[in-house]
């Protein structure tokens, strides 16, 4: 997955899963989208990485455990939803870049559903 930094105009590749197997998101959202290369809709984590404050958007989610707040994506990376729902500027930029680069359409914010499953209001 490629993410574009809107402020500097640069584009970079995500670190390999072997180098960054777990990502903790401190401000997050979960979006469901339709990607042109898939017949089914997919869900994606987006948020601010606790490790460095950078924004991050994930590959499609394949599993999520609301009790542990952990989810795994197609890449094999594990995401931990820490803190509260909400996108800060870096995360919003990463999500916008994901949508643009991957030509995602019919975007639905399903964060409230995820919060409810985790027992949050």
C-alpha atoms as a PDB file:
ATOM      1  CA  UNK A   1       0.000   0.000   0.000  1.00  0.00           C
ATOM      2  CA  UNK A   2       1.275   3.455  -0.831  1.00  0.00           C
ATOM      3  CA  UNK A   3       0.438   6.461   1.294  1.00  0.00           C
ATOM      4  CA  UNK A   4       0.925  10.051   0.166  1.00  0.00           C
ATOM      5  CA  UNK A   5       1.969  12.860   2.474  1.00  0.00           C
ATOM      6  CA  UNK A   6      -0.182  15.784   1.311  1.00  0.00           C
ATOM      7  CA  UNK A   7       1.926  18.384   3.107  1.00  0.00           C
ATOM      8  CA  UNK A   8       5.212  17.466   1.430  1.00  0.00           C
ATOM      9  CA  UNK A   9       3.859  15.783  -1.681  1.00  0.00           C
ATOM     10  CA  UNK A  10       5.904  12.658  -1.074  1.00  0.00           C
ATOM     11  CA  UNK A  11       4.741   9.065  -1.370  1.00  0.00           C
ATOM     12  CA  UNK A  12       6.170   6.166   0.592  1.00  0.00           C
ATOM     13  CA  UNK A  13       5.683   2.446   0.951  1.00  0.00           C
ATOM     14  CA  UNK A  14       4.630   0.987   4.291  1.00  0.00           C
ATOM     15  CA  UNK A  15       7.335  -0.839   6.222  1.00  0.00           C
ATOM     16  CA  UNK A  16       7.284  -4.616   5.710  1.00  0.00           C
ATOM     17  CA  UNK A  17       5.171  -6.523   8.226  1.00  0.00           C
ATOM     18  CA  UNK A  18       8.344  -8.241   9.459  1.00  0.00           C
ATOM     19  CA  UNK A  19       9.706  -4.831  10.530  1.00  0.00           C
ATOM     20  CA  UNK A  20       6.437  -3.516  11.956  1.00  0.00           C
ATOM     21  CA  UNK A  21       4.169  -6.466  12.807  1.00  0.00           C
ATOM     22  CA  UNK A  22       1.994  -4.569  15.317  1.00  0.00           C
ATOM     23  CA  UNK A  23       0.633  -1.046  14.938  1.00  0.00           C
ATOM     24  CA  UNK A  24      -1.084   0.701  17.840  1.00  0.00           C
ATOM     25  CA  UNK A  25      -3.568   3.348  16.713  1.00  0.00           C
ATOM     26  CA  UNK A  26      -4.298   6.022  19.340  1.00  0.00           C
ATOM     27  CA  UNK A  27      -6.917   7.878  17.338  1.00  0.00           C
ATOM     28  CA  UNK A  28      -8.777   5.720  14.868  1.00  0.00           C
ATOM     29  CA  UNK A  29     -11.696   5.068  12.565  1.00  0.00           C
ATOM     30  CA  UNK A  30     -12.818   1.988  10.674  1.00  0.00           C
ATOM     31  CA  UNK A  31     -14.131   2.511   7.157  1.00  0.00           C
ATOM     32  CA  UNK A  32     -15.932   0.150   4.813  1.00  0.00           C
ATOM     33  CA  UNK A  33     -15.303   0.764   1.121  1.00  0.00           C
ATOM     34  CA  UNK A  34     -15.740  -0.624  -2.344  1.00  0.00           C
ATOM     35  CA  UNK A  35     -12.449  -1.051  -4.199  1.00  0.00           C
ATOM     36  CA  UNK A  36     -12.501  -1.404  -7.997  1.00  0.00           C
ATOM     37  CA  UNK A  37     -10.328  -4.537  -7.930  1.00  0.00           C
ATOM     38  CA  UNK A  38     -12.674  -6.496  -5.610  1.00  0.00           C
ATOM     39  CA  UNK A  39     -16.187  -7.808  -5.832  1.00  0.00           C
ATOM     40  CA  UNK A  40     -16.775  -7.593  -2.057  1.00  0.00           C
ATOM     41  CA  UNK A  41     -16.640  -4.560   0.203  1.00  0.00           C
ATOM     42  CA  UNK A  42     -13.651  -4.279   2.543  1.00  0.00           C
ATOM     43  CA  UNK A  43     -13.038  -2.683   5.923  1.00  0.00           C
ATOM     44  CA  UNK A  44      -9.898  -0.776   6.845  1.00  0.00           C
ATOM     45  CA  UNK A  45      -8.342   0.689   9.974  1.00  0.00           C
ATOM     46  CA  UNK A  46      -7.163   4.275   9.773  1.00  0.00           C
ATOM     47  CA  UNK A  47      -5.595   6.285  12.541  1.00  0.00           C
ATOM     48  CA  UNK A  48      -2.554   7.780  14.194  1.00  0.00           C
ATOM     49  CA  UNK A  49       0.284   5.419  15.034  1.00  0.00           C
ATOM     50  CA  UNK A  50       1.290   5.616  18.703  1.00  0.00           C
ATOM     51  CA  UNK A  51       4.849   4.702  17.712  1.00  0.00           C
ATOM     52  CA  UNK A  52       5.576   7.870  15.712  1.00  0.00           C
ATOM     53  CA  UNK A  53       2.434   9.998  15.371  1.00  0.00           C
ATOM     54  CA  UNK A  54       2.160   9.341  11.631  1.00  0.00           C
ATOM     55  CA  UNK A  55      -1.129   8.574   9.931  1.00  0.00           C
ATOM     56  CA  UNK A  56      -1.811   5.022   8.755  1.00  0.00           C
ATOM     57  CA  UNK A  57      -4.437   3.281   6.631  1.00  0.00           C
ATOM     58  CA  UNK A  58      -4.539  -0.502   6.557  1.00  0.00           C
ATOM     59  CA  UNK A  59      -5.007  -3.214   4.002  1.00  0.00           C
ATOM     60  CA  UNK A  60      -8.389  -5.001   4.309  1.00  0.00           C
ATOM     61  CA  UNK A  61      -9.274  -6.315   7.773  1.00  0.00           C
ATOM     62  CA  UNK A  62      -9.588 -10.104   7.903  1.00  0.00           C
ATOM     63  CA  UNK A  63     -10.265 -10.555  11.636  1.00  0.00           C
ATOM     64  CA  UNK A  64     -11.152  -8.348  14.593  1.00  0.00           C
ATOM     65  CA  UNK A  65     -11.557  -9.246  18.280  1.00  0.00           C
ATOM     66  CA  UNK A  66     -13.507  -6.508  20.068  1.00  0.00           C
ATOM     67  CA  UNK A  67     -12.569  -7.919  23.492  1.00  0.00           C
ATOM     68  CA  UNK A  68      -8.846  -7.356  22.896  1.00  0.00           C
ATOM     69  CA  UNK A  69      -9.323  -4.452  20.441  1.00  0.00           C
ATOM     70  CA  UNK A  70      -6.972  -6.252  18.040  1.00  0.00           C
ATOM     71  CA  UNK A  71      -7.451  -6.879  14.368  1.00  0.00           C
ATOM     72  CA  UNK A  72      -5.419  -8.529  11.641  1.00  0.00           C
ATOM     73  CA  UNK A  73      -5.298  -7.328   8.053  1.00  0.00           C
ATOM     74  CA  UNK A  74      -4.601  -9.129   4.777  1.00  0.00           C
ATOM     75  CA  UNK A  75      -0.950  -8.141   5.051  1.00  0.00           C
ATOM     76  CA  UNK A  76      -0.666 -10.075   8.334  1.00  0.00           C
ATOM     77  CA  UNK A  77      -0.139  -6.908  10.351  1.00  0.00           C
ATOM     78  CA  UNK A  78      -1.932  -6.645  13.698  1.00  0.00           C
ATOM     79  CA  UNK A  79      -3.621  -3.381  14.642  1.00  0.00           C
ATOM     80  CA  UNK A  80      -4.521  -2.446  18.207  1.00  0.00           C
ATOM     81  CA  UNK A  81      -7.217   0.176  18.695  1.00  0.00           C
ATOM     82  CA  UNK A  82      -6.010   2.156  21.694  1.00  0.00           C
ATOM     83  CA  UNK A  83      -7.541   5.360  22.915  1.00  0.00           C
ATOM     84  CA  UNK A  84     -10.647   6.803  21.404  1.00  0.00           C
ATOM     85  CA  UNK A  85     -12.157   6.985  17.984  1.00  0.00           C
ATOM     86  CA  UNK A  86     -11.247  10.060  15.979  1.00  0.00           C
ATOM     87  CA  UNK A  87      -8.951  11.033  13.134  1.00  0.00           C
ATOM     88  CA  UNK A  88      -6.245  13.622  13.677  1.00  0.00           C
ATOM     89  CA  UNK A  89      -4.813  15.529  10.717  1.00  0.00           C
ATOM     90  CA  UNK A  90      -2.041  13.001   9.904  1.00  0.00           C
ATOM     91  CA  UNK A  91      -4.502  10.117   9.978  1.00  0.00           C
ATOM     92  CA  UNK A  92      -7.037  12.009   7.882  1.00  0.00           C
ATOM     93  CA  UNK A  93      -4.337  12.749   5.286  1.00  0.00           C
ATOM     94  CA  UNK A  94      -3.300   9.081   5.211  1.00  0.00           C
ATOM     95  CA  UNK A  95      -6.924   8.013   4.758  1.00  0.00           C
ATOM     96  CA  UNK A  96      -7.512  10.571   2.001  1.00  0.00           C
ATOM     97  CA  UNK A  97      -4.402   9.316   0.204  1.00  0.00           C
ATOM     98  CA  UNK A  98      -5.570   5.694   0.574  1.00  0.00           C
ATOM     99  CA  UNK A  99      -8.946   6.564  -0.949  1.00  0.00           C
ATOM    100  CA  UNK A 100      -7.368   8.429  -3.840  1.00  0.00           C
ATOM    101  CA  UNK A 101      -4.586   5.912  -4.630  1.00  0.00           C
ATOM    102  CA  UNK A 102      -6.873   2.877  -4.338  1.00  0.00           C
ATOM    103  CA  UNK A 103      -9.873   4.584  -5.982  1.00  0.00           C
ATOM    104  CA  UNK A 104     -12.132   3.623  -3.063  1.00  0.00           C
ATOM    105  CA  UNK A 105     -15.798   4.540  -3.450  1.00  0.00           C
ATOM    106  CA  UNK A 106     -19.025   4.203  -1.464  1.00  0.00           C
ATOM    107  CA  UNK A 107     -17.178   4.917   1.796  1.00  0.00           C
ATOM    108  CA  UNK A 108     -19.024   4.212   5.044  1.00  0.00           C
ATOM    109  CA  UNK A 109     -17.641   5.061   8.486  1.00  0.00           C
ATOM    110  CA  UNK A 110     -18.384   1.970  10.623  1.00  0.00           C
ATOM    111  CA  UNK A 111     -16.499   3.199  13.702  1.00  0.00           C
ATOM    112  CA  UNK A 112     -19.681   3.452  15.803  1.00  0.00           C
ATOM    113  CA  UNK A 113     -20.402  -0.224  15.112  1.00  0.00           C
ATOM    114  CA  UNK A 114     -16.842  -1.155  16.186  1.00  0.00           C
ATOM    115  CA  UNK A 115     -17.082   0.998  19.336  1.00  0.00           C
ATOM    116  CA  UNK A 116     -20.374  -0.698  20.256  1.00  0.00           C
ATOM    117  CA  UNK A 117     -18.823  -4.152  19.754  1.00  0.00           C
ATOM    118  CA  UNK A 118     -15.983  -3.102  22.083  1.00  0.00           C
ATOM    119  CA  UNK A 119     -18.504  -1.998  24.719  1.00  0.00           C
ATOM    120  CA  UNK A 120     -17.899   1.724  24.258  1.00  0.00           C
ATOM    121  CA  UNK A 121     -20.596   4.347  23.934  1.00  0.00           C
END
